[in-house]
């Protein structure tokens, strides 16, 4: 039997035995957030938060590397740890706000395999009158494995609120830093995207 097929069967069998582990990583999420809340507070969301992780067997796919979808799920951990260290989680609770993802663009460059250690770096880049823009990256052995740009928003009663209100709640200057050209180019490309998608069926 081909090695790849054997490996895929082993991975699938392991996933079936531990189906609960395939869910959202709640334990890692709460543990990481709890630890982040006890770290020194960052001056603001523009500062970098670095968290360290291990790729677990249930994070990998049939090619024995971290699944690209799982990678995005694990990026959640870094974003909420950043939110904890800048006081955003407290502001969300205090004001009854929620967070949502409005778009993302991901670049994958290096495999992360089972039991490999990696770190996630998370920071906010800028914001406009509607969205906040964050970047995250995963690094292993000094090499960037992936990088993602997010467009996020804060919600109040299900409606998007201005990022300046979030900044004020954190005691920050509501004026955004200049938007980098590469982020601006992405927002402009997104503005040209047809929505909703055309039904070609």
N, C-alpha and C. Protein backbone atom coordinates (compact mmCIF):
# COMPACT_ATOMS: atom_id res chain seq x y z
N UNK A 1 0.86 -1.20 0.00
CA UNK A 1 0.00 0.00 0.00
C UNK A 1 0.89 1.24 0.00
N UNK A 2 0.59 2.25 -0.81
CA UNK A 2 1.41 3.45 -0.85
C UNK A 2 1.55 4.08 0.53
N UNK A 3 2.72 4.65 0.79
CA UNK A 3 2.97 5.27 2.09
C UNK A 3 1.96 6.36 2.40
N UNK A 4 1.63 7.18 1.37
CA UNK A 4 0.69 8.27 1.58
C UNK A 4 -0.67 7.75 2.00
N UNK A 5 -1.13 6.67 1.37
CA UNK A 5 -2.43 6.11 1.71
C UNK A 5 -2.41 5.54 3.13
N UNK A 6 -1.31 4.86 3.48
CA UNK A 6 -1.19 4.32 4.83
C UNK A 6 -1.21 5.42 5.87
N UNK A 7 -0.47 6.48 5.59
CA UNK A 7 -0.42 7.62 6.50
C UNK A 7 -1.79 8.27 6.64
N UNK A 8 -2.50 8.40 5.53
CA UNK A 8 -3.83 9.00 5.56
C UNK A 8 -4.79 8.17 6.38
N UNK A 9 -4.69 6.82 6.24
CA UNK A 9 -5.56 5.94 7.02
C UNK A 9 -5.27 6.06 8.50
N UNK A 10 -3.99 6.17 8.84
CA UNK A 10 -3.63 6.31 10.25
C UNK A 10 -4.14 7.61 10.82
N UNK A 11 -4.00 8.67 10.07
CA UNK A 11 -4.50 9.97 10.52
C UNK A 11 -6.01 9.94 10.70
N UNK A 12 -6.71 9.34 9.72
CA UNK A 12 -8.17 9.27 9.78
C UNK A 12 -8.62 8.44 10.97
N UNK A 13 -7.91 7.33 11.24
CA UNK A 13 -8.27 6.49 12.37
C UNK A 13 -8.08 7.25 13.68
N UNK A 14 -6.97 7.99 13.76
CA UNK A 14 -6.74 8.79 14.96
C UNK A 14 -7.80 9.84 15.16
N UNK A 15 -8.25 10.42 14.07
CA UNK A 15 -9.29 11.45 14.17
C UNK A 15 -10.61 10.85 14.62
N UNK A 16 -10.90 9.63 14.16
CA UNK A 16 -12.13 8.99 14.58
C UNK A 16 -12.10 8.66 16.05
N UNK A 17 -10.92 8.24 16.56
CA UNK A 17 -10.81 7.91 17.98
C UNK A 17 -10.95 9.15 18.84
N UNK A 18 -10.50 10.29 18.32
CA UNK A 18 -10.56 11.51 19.12
C UNK A 18 -11.40 12.57 18.45
N UNK A 19 -12.64 12.22 18.08
CA UNK A 19 -13.48 13.14 17.32
C UNK A 19 -13.72 14.44 18.05
N UNK A 20 -13.74 14.39 19.39
CA UNK A 20 -13.99 15.62 20.14
C UNK A 20 -12.86 16.61 19.95
N UNK A 21 -11.66 16.12 19.64
CA UNK A 21 -10.52 17.00 19.45
C UNK A 21 -10.57 17.72 18.12
N UNK A 22 -11.42 17.25 17.19
CA UNK A 22 -11.54 17.91 15.90
C UNK A 22 -12.35 19.18 16.00
N UNK A 23 -13.04 19.35 17.10
CA UNK A 23 -13.86 20.54 17.28
C UNK A 23 -12.98 21.77 17.41
N UNK A 24 -13.64 22.90 17.58
CA UNK A 24 -12.89 24.12 17.87
C UNK A 24 -12.04 23.89 19.11
N UNK A 25 -10.78 24.32 19.13
CA UNK A 25 -9.88 24.02 20.25
C UNK A 25 -10.18 24.86 21.49
N UNK A 26 -11.31 24.56 22.12
CA UNK A 26 -11.75 25.36 23.26
C UNK A 26 -10.75 25.35 24.42
N UNK A 27 -10.19 24.19 24.71
CA UNK A 27 -9.25 24.11 25.83
C UNK A 27 -8.03 24.97 25.56
N UNK A 28 -7.47 24.87 24.37
CA UNK A 28 -6.32 25.69 24.02
C UNK A 28 -6.70 27.17 24.00
N UNK A 29 -7.92 27.45 23.53
CA UNK A 29 -8.40 28.83 23.47
C UNK A 29 -8.47 29.45 24.87
N UNK A 30 -9.16 28.79 25.80
CA UNK A 30 -9.33 29.36 27.13
C UNK A 30 -8.03 29.37 27.92
N UNK A 31 -7.21 28.34 27.75
CA UNK A 31 -5.93 28.30 28.44
C UNK A 31 -5.03 29.44 27.95
N UNK A 32 -4.94 29.62 26.65
CA UNK A 32 -4.10 30.68 26.10
C UNK A 32 -4.59 32.06 26.46
N UNK A 33 -5.92 32.27 26.43
CA UNK A 33 -6.48 33.57 26.79
C UNK A 33 -6.27 33.86 28.26
N UNK A 34 -6.44 32.84 29.10
CA UNK A 34 -6.21 33.00 30.55
C UNK A 34 -4.77 33.42 30.81
N UNK A 35 -3.83 32.78 30.13
CA UNK A 35 -2.42 33.14 30.31
C UNK A 35 -2.13 34.54 29.80
N UNK A 36 -2.73 34.90 28.67
CA UNK A 36 -2.49 36.22 28.09
C UNK A 36 -2.99 37.33 29.01
N UNK A 37 -4.10 37.09 29.69
CA UNK A 37 -4.65 38.11 30.60
C UNK A 37 -3.73 38.36 31.79
N UNK A 38 -2.81 37.44 32.03
CA UNK A 38 -1.87 37.58 33.14
C UNK A 38 -0.49 38.04 32.69
N UNK A 39 -0.33 38.28 31.40
CA UNK A 39 0.91 38.84 30.88
C UNK A 39 0.88 40.36 31.02
N UNK A 40 2.04 41.01 30.95
CA UNK A 40 2.06 42.48 30.98
C UNK A 40 1.19 43.05 29.87
N UNK A 41 0.43 44.08 30.21
CA UNK A 41 -0.45 44.67 29.22
C UNK A 41 0.35 45.39 28.13
N UNK A 42 -0.08 45.22 26.89
CA UNK A 42 0.55 45.93 25.79
C UNK A 42 0.06 47.38 25.77
N UNK A 43 0.87 48.25 25.18
CA UNK A 43 0.47 49.65 25.10
C UNK A 43 -0.76 49.85 24.23
N UNK A 44 -0.92 48.97 23.25
CA UNK A 44 -2.07 49.09 22.34
C UNK A 44 -2.06 47.96 21.34
N UNK A 45 -3.13 47.81 20.54
CA UNK A 45 -3.23 46.71 19.58
C UNK A 45 -2.21 46.76 18.46
N UNK A 46 -1.53 47.92 18.30
CA UNK A 46 -0.49 48.01 17.27
C UNK A 46 0.77 47.28 17.71
N UNK A 47 0.88 46.98 19.02
CA UNK A 47 2.02 46.21 19.51
C UNK A 47 1.85 44.74 19.14
N UNK A 48 2.96 44.04 19.03
CA UNK A 48 2.95 42.64 18.62
C UNK A 48 2.76 41.72 19.82
N UNK A 49 1.84 40.77 19.68
CA UNK A 49 1.71 39.70 20.68
C UNK A 49 2.22 38.41 20.05
N UNK A 50 3.09 37.71 20.77
CA UNK A 50 3.65 36.45 20.29
C UNK A 50 3.20 35.32 21.20
N UNK A 51 2.64 34.28 20.61
CA UNK A 51 2.23 33.10 21.38
C UNK A 51 2.89 31.87 20.78
N UNK A 52 3.13 30.86 21.60
CA UNK A 52 3.84 29.66 21.17
C UNK A 52 2.93 28.44 21.26
N UNK A 53 3.05 27.57 20.27
CA UNK A 53 2.14 26.45 20.14
C UNK A 53 2.88 25.21 19.64
N UNK A 54 2.17 24.08 19.66
CA UNK A 54 2.66 22.83 19.09
C UNK A 54 1.58 22.30 18.15
N UNK A 55 1.98 21.87 16.98
CA UNK A 55 1.04 21.27 16.04
C UNK A 55 0.70 19.87 16.53
N UNK A 56 -0.54 19.64 16.91
CA UNK A 56 -0.97 18.36 17.45
C UNK A 56 -1.40 17.43 16.31
N UNK A 57 -1.41 16.11 16.56
CA UNK A 57 -1.79 15.17 15.49
C UNK A 57 -3.17 15.44 14.92
N UNK A 58 -4.09 15.96 15.73
CA UNK A 58 -5.44 16.24 15.22
C UNK A 58 -5.52 17.57 14.46
N UNK A 59 -4.38 18.25 14.33
CA UNK A 59 -4.34 19.47 13.51
C UNK A 59 -3.94 19.18 12.07
N UNK A 60 -3.48 17.94 11.79
CA UNK A 60 -2.93 17.65 10.47
C UNK A 60 -3.96 17.00 9.55
N UNK A 61 -3.64 16.99 8.26
CA UNK A 61 -4.53 16.39 7.26
C UNK A 61 -3.90 15.12 6.68
N UNK A 62 -4.44 14.63 5.57
CA UNK A 62 -3.96 13.37 4.99
C UNK A 62 -2.55 13.47 4.42
N UNK A 63 -2.03 14.70 4.32
CA UNK A 63 -0.66 14.88 3.85
C UNK A 63 0.31 15.07 5.01
N UNK A 64 -0.17 14.80 6.22
CA UNK A 64 0.65 14.85 7.44
C UNK A 64 1.20 16.24 7.73
N UNK A 65 0.45 17.26 7.35
CA UNK A 65 0.83 18.63 7.68
C UNK A 65 -0.39 19.36 8.22
N UNK A 66 -0.16 20.47 8.89
CA UNK A 66 -1.28 21.21 9.44
C UNK A 66 -2.25 21.60 8.34
N UNK A 67 -3.51 21.27 8.53
CA UNK A 67 -4.54 21.60 7.56
C UNK A 67 -4.69 23.10 7.44
N UNK A 68 -4.89 23.59 6.21
CA UNK A 68 -4.96 25.04 6.01
C UNK A 68 -6.15 25.66 6.76
N UNK A 69 -7.25 24.92 6.84
CA UNK A 69 -8.40 25.44 7.59
C UNK A 69 -8.11 25.47 9.08
N UNK A 70 -7.42 24.44 9.56
CA UNK A 70 -7.06 24.39 10.99
C UNK A 70 -6.13 25.53 11.33
N UNK A 71 -5.26 25.88 10.39
CA UNK A 71 -4.33 26.99 10.61
C UNK A 71 -5.11 28.27 10.90
N UNK A 72 -6.18 28.51 10.14
CA UNK A 72 -6.99 29.71 10.37
C UNK A 72 -7.68 29.64 11.72
N UNK A 73 -8.10 28.42 12.11
CA UNK A 73 -8.72 28.26 13.42
C UNK A 73 -7.74 28.59 14.53
N UNK A 74 -6.50 28.12 14.40
CA UNK A 74 -5.50 28.39 15.43
C UNK A 74 -5.09 29.85 15.46
N UNK A 75 -5.25 30.55 14.33
CA UNK A 75 -4.98 31.98 14.35
C UNK A 75 -5.95 32.70 15.30
N UNK A 76 -7.14 32.14 15.47
CA UNK A 76 -8.09 32.72 16.43
C UNK A 76 -7.46 32.88 17.81
N UNK A 77 -6.69 31.87 18.21
CA UNK A 77 -6.09 31.88 19.54
C UNK A 77 -5.22 33.11 19.73
N UNK A 78 -4.40 33.39 18.72
CA UNK A 78 -3.51 34.55 18.81
C UNK A 78 -4.27 35.86 18.85
N UNK A 79 -5.35 35.97 18.06
CA UNK A 79 -6.12 37.22 18.04
C UNK A 79 -6.78 37.49 19.39
N UNK A 80 -7.33 36.47 20.00
CA UNK A 80 -7.98 36.69 21.29
C UNK A 80 -6.97 36.93 22.40
N UNK A 81 -5.79 36.35 22.28
CA UNK A 81 -4.74 36.66 23.26
C UNK A 81 -4.29 38.10 23.12
N UNK A 82 -4.18 38.58 21.87
CA UNK A 82 -3.88 39.99 21.65
C UNK A 82 -4.97 40.86 22.27
N UNK A 83 -6.23 40.48 22.03
CA UNK A 83 -7.36 41.24 22.59
C UNK A 83 -7.30 41.28 24.10
N UNK A 84 -6.88 40.19 24.71
CA UNK A 84 -6.78 40.14 26.17
C UNK A 84 -5.70 41.09 26.68
N UNK A 85 -4.58 41.15 25.97
CA UNK A 85 -3.44 41.94 26.45
C UNK A 85 -3.60 43.45 26.23
N UNK A 86 -4.53 43.85 25.37
CA UNK A 86 -4.76 45.28 25.16
C UNK A 86 -6.03 45.76 25.87
N UNK A 87 -6.72 44.84 26.57
CA UNK A 87 -7.93 45.23 27.30
C UNK A 87 -9.20 45.17 26.47
N UNK A 88 -9.11 44.64 25.26
CA UNK A 88 -10.29 44.62 24.40
C UNK A 88 -11.36 43.66 24.92
N UNK A 89 -10.95 42.53 25.46
CA UNK A 89 -11.94 41.58 25.97
C UNK A 89 -12.77 42.22 27.08
N UNK A 90 -12.11 42.95 27.97
CA UNK A 90 -12.84 43.64 29.04
C UNK A 90 -13.81 44.67 28.46
N UNK A 91 -13.37 45.37 27.41
CA UNK A 91 -14.24 46.36 26.77
C UNK A 91 -15.45 45.70 26.11
N UNK A 92 -15.23 44.53 25.51
CA UNK A 92 -16.35 43.80 24.89
C UNK A 92 -17.38 43.41 25.93
N UNK A 93 -16.91 42.90 27.05
CA UNK A 93 -17.82 42.49 28.12
C UNK A 93 -18.54 43.69 28.70
N UNK A 94 -17.80 44.76 28.93
CA UNK A 94 -18.36 45.96 29.55
C UNK A 94 -19.44 46.61 28.69
N UNK A 95 -19.25 46.58 27.36
CA UNK A 95 -20.17 47.26 26.46
C UNK A 95 -21.15 46.33 25.75
N UNK A 96 -21.03 45.04 25.99
CA UNK A 96 -21.92 44.10 25.31
C UNK A 96 -21.63 43.99 23.83
N UNK A 97 -20.36 44.17 23.43
CA UNK A 97 -19.97 44.11 22.03
C UNK A 97 -19.54 42.69 21.64
N UNK A 98 -19.46 42.47 20.36
CA UNK A 98 -18.94 41.21 19.82
C UNK A 98 -17.99 41.54 18.68
N UNK A 99 -17.23 40.54 18.25
CA UNK A 99 -16.30 40.71 17.13
C UNK A 99 -16.69 39.79 15.98
N UNK A 100 -16.39 40.22 14.78
CA UNK A 100 -16.67 39.38 13.62
C UNK A 100 -15.57 39.59 12.58
N UNK A 101 -15.39 38.58 11.73
CA UNK A 101 -14.45 38.67 10.61
C UNK A 101 -15.22 39.05 9.36
N UNK A 102 -14.75 40.08 8.67
CA UNK A 102 -15.44 40.55 7.46
C UNK A 102 -14.68 40.17 6.19
N UNK A 103 -13.49 39.63 6.32
CA UNK A 103 -12.72 39.22 5.15
C UNK A 103 -11.31 38.84 5.54
N UNK A 104 -10.64 38.07 4.70
CA UNK A 104 -9.27 37.67 4.99
C UNK A 104 -8.54 37.30 3.70
N UNK A 105 -7.23 37.39 3.74
CA UNK A 105 -6.37 36.99 2.63
C UNK A 105 -5.17 36.28 3.22
N UNK A 106 -4.95 35.03 2.82
CA UNK A 106 -3.92 34.21 3.44
C UNK A 106 -2.88 33.77 2.42
N UNK A 107 -1.63 33.78 2.84
CA UNK A 107 -0.53 33.28 2.02
C UNK A 107 0.15 32.14 2.79
N UNK A 108 0.24 30.97 2.16
CA UNK A 108 0.89 29.80 2.76
C UNK A 108 2.24 29.59 2.08
N UNK A 109 3.28 29.35 2.90
CA UNK A 109 4.61 29.21 2.32
C UNK A 109 5.40 28.01 2.84
N UNK A 110 5.11 27.50 4.02
CA UNK A 110 5.91 26.41 4.59
C UNK A 110 5.02 25.45 5.37
N UNK A 111 5.30 24.16 5.25
CA UNK A 111 4.54 23.14 5.97
C UNK A 111 4.85 23.18 7.46
N UNK A 112 3.84 22.92 8.27
CA UNK A 112 4.00 22.69 9.70
C UNK A 112 3.48 21.29 9.95
N UNK A 113 4.32 20.42 10.51
CA UNK A 113 3.97 19.02 10.68
C UNK A 113 3.70 18.68 12.15
N UNK A 114 3.22 17.47 12.38
CA UNK A 114 2.82 17.05 13.73
C UNK A 114 3.97 17.20 14.72
N UNK A 115 3.65 17.73 15.89
CA UNK A 115 4.55 17.95 17.02
C UNK A 115 5.60 19.03 16.76
N UNK A 116 5.49 19.72 15.63
CA UNK A 116 6.42 20.81 15.36
C UNK A 116 5.99 22.04 16.16
N UNK A 117 6.95 22.70 16.76
CA UNK A 117 6.68 23.92 17.52
C UNK A 117 6.65 25.11 16.57
N UNK A 118 5.76 26.04 16.86
CA UNK A 118 5.69 27.25 16.05
C UNK A 118 5.18 28.39 16.92
N UNK A 119 5.38 29.59 16.46
CA UNK A 119 4.86 30.75 17.17
C UNK A 119 3.97 31.57 16.25
N UNK A 120 3.00 32.19 16.86
CA UNK A 120 2.07 33.05 16.13
C UNK A 120 2.29 34.49 16.57
N UNK A 121 2.42 35.38 15.60
CA UNK A 121 2.61 36.80 15.88
C UNK A 121 1.35 37.55 15.41
N UNK A 122 0.80 38.37 16.28
CA UNK A 122 -0.47 39.03 15.99
C UNK A 122 -0.39 40.51 16.33
N UNK A 123 -0.92 41.34 15.45
CA UNK A 123 -0.98 42.78 15.74
C UNK A 123 -2.01 43.44 14.82
N UNK A 124 -2.52 44.57 15.27
CA UNK A 124 -3.38 45.38 14.42
C UNK A 124 -2.51 46.30 13.57
N UNK A 125 -2.95 46.55 12.34
CA UNK A 125 -2.18 47.42 11.44
C UNK A 125 -2.77 48.83 11.40
N UNK A 126 -4.08 48.90 11.20
CA UNK A 126 -4.75 50.20 11.04
C UNK A 126 -6.25 49.96 11.06
N UNK A 127 -7.01 51.02 10.82
CA UNK A 127 -8.46 50.90 10.72
C UNK A 127 -9.00 52.05 9.88
N UNK A 128 -10.22 51.87 9.41
CA UNK A 128 -10.90 52.94 8.69
C UNK A 128 -12.19 53.26 9.43
N UNK A 129 -13.17 53.82 8.74
CA UNK A 129 -14.39 54.21 9.45
C UNK A 129 -15.33 53.04 9.73
N UNK A 130 -14.94 51.84 9.28
CA UNK A 130 -15.82 50.68 9.46
C UNK A 130 -15.10 49.43 9.98
N UNK A 131 -13.88 49.21 9.48
CA UNK A 131 -13.19 47.96 9.80
C UNK A 131 -11.83 48.20 10.46
N UNK A 132 -11.39 47.18 11.18
CA UNK A 132 -10.04 47.13 11.73
C UNK A 132 -9.26 46.08 10.93
N UNK A 133 -7.98 46.34 10.67
CA UNK A 133 -7.15 45.45 9.87
C UNK A 133 -6.03 44.89 10.73
N UNK A 134 -5.97 43.58 10.79
CA UNK A 134 -4.97 42.89 11.59
C UNK A 134 -4.15 41.96 10.70
N UNK A 135 -2.91 41.74 11.12
CA UNK A 135 -2.09 40.74 10.44
C UNK A 135 -1.59 39.73 11.46
N UNK A 136 -1.49 38.50 11.01
CA UNK A 136 -0.94 37.43 11.83
C UNK A 136 -0.02 36.57 10.97
N UNK A 137 0.96 35.99 11.63
CA UNK A 137 1.88 35.10 10.91
C UNK A 137 2.29 33.96 11.82
N UNK A 138 2.59 32.81 11.23
CA UNK A 138 3.11 31.65 11.95
C UNK A 138 4.55 31.44 11.53
N UNK A 139 5.41 31.20 12.52
CA UNK A 139 6.85 31.06 12.28
C UNK A 139 7.35 29.76 12.88
N UNK A 140 8.20 29.08 12.14
CA UNK A 140 8.84 27.87 12.64
C UNK A 140 10.30 27.85 12.20
N UNK A 141 11.17 27.64 13.16
CA UNK A 141 12.62 27.61 12.90
C UNK A 141 13.09 28.86 12.17
N UNK A 142 12.54 30.00 12.56
CA UNK A 142 12.96 31.27 11.99
C UNK A 142 12.41 31.58 10.62
N UNK A 143 11.50 30.74 10.12
CA UNK A 143 10.93 30.93 8.79
C UNK A 143 9.43 31.15 8.90
N UNK A 144 8.90 32.09 8.12
CA UNK A 144 7.47 32.36 8.14
C UNK A 144 6.75 31.27 7.35
N UNK A 145 5.82 30.57 8.00
CA UNK A 145 5.07 29.49 7.36
C UNK A 145 3.81 30.00 6.68
N UNK A 146 3.19 31.01 7.26
CA UNK A 146 1.98 31.58 6.66
C UNK A 146 1.76 32.98 7.19
N UNK A 147 0.97 33.75 6.45
CA UNK A 147 0.68 35.13 6.83
C UNK A 147 -0.74 35.43 6.40
N UNK A 148 -1.51 36.08 7.28
CA UNK A 148 -2.90 36.36 6.96
C UNK A 148 -3.24 37.80 7.32
N UNK A 149 -4.01 38.43 6.45
CA UNK A 149 -4.53 39.77 6.68
C UNK A 149 -6.03 39.64 6.93
N UNK A 150 -6.49 40.22 8.02
CA UNK A 150 -7.91 40.17 8.38
C UNK A 150 -8.53 41.55 8.36
N UNK A 151 -9.78 41.58 7.94
CA UNK A 151 -10.62 42.76 8.11
C UNK A 151 -11.67 42.38 9.13
N UNK A 152 -11.66 43.04 10.27
CA UNK A 152 -12.57 42.68 11.35
C UNK A 152 -13.44 43.87 11.73
N UNK A 153 -14.48 43.58 12.50
CA UNK A 153 -15.38 44.64 12.94
C UNK A 153 -15.90 44.33 14.33
N UNK A 154 -16.22 45.36 15.05
CA UNK A 154 -16.90 45.22 16.34
C UNK A 154 -18.39 45.43 16.13
N UNK A 155 -19.19 44.65 16.83
CA UNK A 155 -20.64 44.71 16.67
C UNK A 155 -21.32 45.12 17.96
N UNK A 156 -22.35 45.93 17.81
CA UNK A 156 -23.21 46.28 18.93
C UNK A 156 -24.65 45.98 18.51
N UNK A 157 -25.27 45.04 19.20
CA UNK A 157 -26.62 44.58 18.85
C UNK A 157 -26.68 44.14 17.39
N UNK A 158 -25.62 43.46 16.95
CA UNK A 158 -25.58 42.91 15.61
C UNK A 158 -25.20 43.89 14.52
N UNK A 159 -24.91 45.14 14.86
CA UNK A 159 -24.55 46.14 13.86
C UNK A 159 -23.11 46.61 14.06
N UNK A 160 -22.44 46.84 12.93
CA UNK A 160 -21.04 47.28 12.98
C UNK A 160 -20.94 48.67 13.59
N UNK A 161 -19.98 48.84 14.49
CA UNK A 161 -19.73 50.16 15.08
C UNK A 161 -18.37 50.67 14.62
N UNK A 162 -18.19 51.96 14.69
CA UNK A 162 -16.95 52.57 14.22
C UNK A 162 -15.77 52.13 15.08
N UNK A 163 -14.64 51.78 14.46
CA UNK A 163 -13.45 51.42 15.23
C UNK A 163 -13.00 52.52 16.18
N UNK A 164 -13.31 53.77 15.86
CA UNK A 164 -12.92 54.86 16.76
C UNK A 164 -13.57 54.69 18.13
N UNK A 165 -14.79 54.13 18.18
CA UNK A 165 -15.44 53.88 19.46
C UNK A 165 -14.70 52.82 20.26
N UNK A 166 -14.19 51.83 19.54
CA UNK A 166 -13.41 50.79 20.21
C UNK A 166 -12.14 51.40 20.79
N UNK A 167 -11.47 52.26 19.99
CA UNK A 167 -10.27 52.91 20.47
C UNK A 167 -10.52 53.77 21.69
N UNK A 168 -11.63 54.49 21.69
CA UNK A 168 -11.97 55.32 22.84
C UNK A 168 -12.21 54.47 24.08
N UNK A 169 -12.84 53.30 23.89
CA UNK A 169 -13.10 52.41 25.01
C UNK A 169 -11.80 51.87 25.61
N UNK A 170 -10.76 51.82 24.79
CA UNK A 170 -9.46 51.34 25.26
C UNK A 170 -8.57 52.49 25.70
N UNK A 171 -9.08 53.72 25.62
CA UNK A 171 -8.28 54.88 26.01
C UNK A 171 -7.20 55.21 25.02
N UNK A 172 -7.44 54.90 23.74
CA UNK A 172 -6.44 55.12 22.70
C UNK A 172 -6.83 56.29 21.81
N UNK A 173 -5.85 56.80 21.09
CA UNK A 173 -6.10 57.81 20.08
C UNK A 173 -6.96 57.19 18.98
N UNK A 174 -8.15 57.74 18.69
CA UNK A 174 -9.02 57.14 17.68
C UNK A 174 -8.52 57.31 16.25
N UNK A 175 -7.44 58.09 16.06
CA UNK A 175 -6.90 58.30 14.73
C UNK A 175 -6.04 57.12 14.30
N UNK A 176 -6.34 56.55 13.15
CA UNK A 176 -5.61 55.38 12.68
C UNK A 176 -4.24 55.76 12.12
N UNK A 177 -3.27 54.87 12.25
CA UNK A 177 -2.00 55.06 11.52
C UNK A 177 -2.30 54.98 10.03
N UNK A 178 -1.39 55.47 9.19
CA UNK A 178 -1.60 55.37 7.74
C UNK A 178 -1.78 53.92 7.31
N UNK A 179 -2.68 53.69 6.38
CA UNK A 179 -2.89 52.33 5.87
C UNK A 179 -1.77 51.98 4.90
N UNK A 180 -1.05 50.88 5.12
CA UNK A 180 0.02 50.49 4.19
C UNK A 180 -0.53 50.27 2.78
N UNK A 181 0.31 50.47 1.79
CA UNK A 181 -0.12 50.34 0.40
C UNK A 181 -0.67 48.95 0.09
N UNK A 182 -0.04 47.90 0.66
CA UNK A 182 -0.48 46.55 0.34
C UNK A 182 -1.85 46.25 0.93
N UNK A 183 -2.15 46.85 2.07
CA UNK A 183 -3.47 46.69 2.67
C UNK A 183 -4.50 47.48 1.86
N UNK A 184 -4.13 48.69 1.47
CA UNK A 184 -5.03 49.51 0.66
C UNK A 184 -5.34 48.83 -0.66
N UNK A 185 -4.34 48.22 -1.29
CA UNK A 185 -4.56 47.52 -2.57
C UNK A 185 -5.55 46.38 -2.40
N UNK A 186 -5.45 45.69 -1.27
CA UNK A 186 -6.39 44.58 -1.01
C UNK A 186 -7.81 45.10 -0.83
N UNK A 187 -7.97 46.19 -0.08
CA UNK A 187 -9.31 46.73 0.13
C UNK A 187 -9.92 47.21 -1.18
N UNK A 188 -9.09 47.78 -2.04
CA UNK A 188 -9.59 48.25 -3.33
C UNK A 188 -10.00 47.07 -4.21
N UNK A 189 -9.23 45.99 -4.16
CA UNK A 189 -9.59 44.80 -4.93
C UNK A 189 -10.89 44.20 -4.41
N UNK A 190 -11.05 44.18 -3.10
CA UNK A 190 -12.27 43.64 -2.50
C UNK A 190 -13.49 44.48 -2.90
N UNK A 191 -13.30 45.78 -3.06
CA UNK A 191 -14.42 46.65 -3.43
C UNK A 191 -14.93 46.34 -4.83
N UNK A 192 -14.07 45.74 -5.67
CA UNK A 192 -14.47 45.39 -7.03
C UNK A 192 -15.07 43.98 -7.12
N UNK A 193 -15.04 43.27 -6.05
CA UNK A 193 -15.53 41.89 -6.05
C UNK A 193 -17.06 41.87 -6.12
N UNK A 194 -17.59 41.04 -6.99
CA UNK A 194 -19.04 40.94 -7.14
C UNK A 194 -19.63 40.29 -5.90
N UNK A 195 -20.66 40.94 -5.36
CA UNK A 195 -21.35 40.38 -4.18
C UNK A 195 -22.83 40.73 -4.22
N UNK A 196 -23.70 39.75 -4.06
CA UNK A 196 -23.37 38.34 -3.86
C UNK A 196 -22.83 37.70 -5.13
N UNK A 197 -22.16 36.55 -5.01
CA UNK A 197 -21.59 35.90 -6.20
C UNK A 197 -22.66 35.59 -7.22
N UNK A 198 -22.30 35.64 -8.47
CA UNK A 198 -23.25 35.33 -9.53
C UNK A 198 -23.57 33.85 -9.54
N UNK A 199 -24.82 33.52 -9.71
CA UNK A 199 -25.24 32.13 -9.79
C UNK A 199 -25.12 31.70 -11.25
N UNK A 200 -24.12 30.84 -11.51
CA UNK A 200 -23.89 30.38 -12.88
C UNK A 200 -24.51 29.02 -13.13
N UNK A 201 -25.28 28.54 -12.14
CA UNK A 201 -25.89 27.22 -12.31
C UNK A 201 -27.02 27.25 -13.29
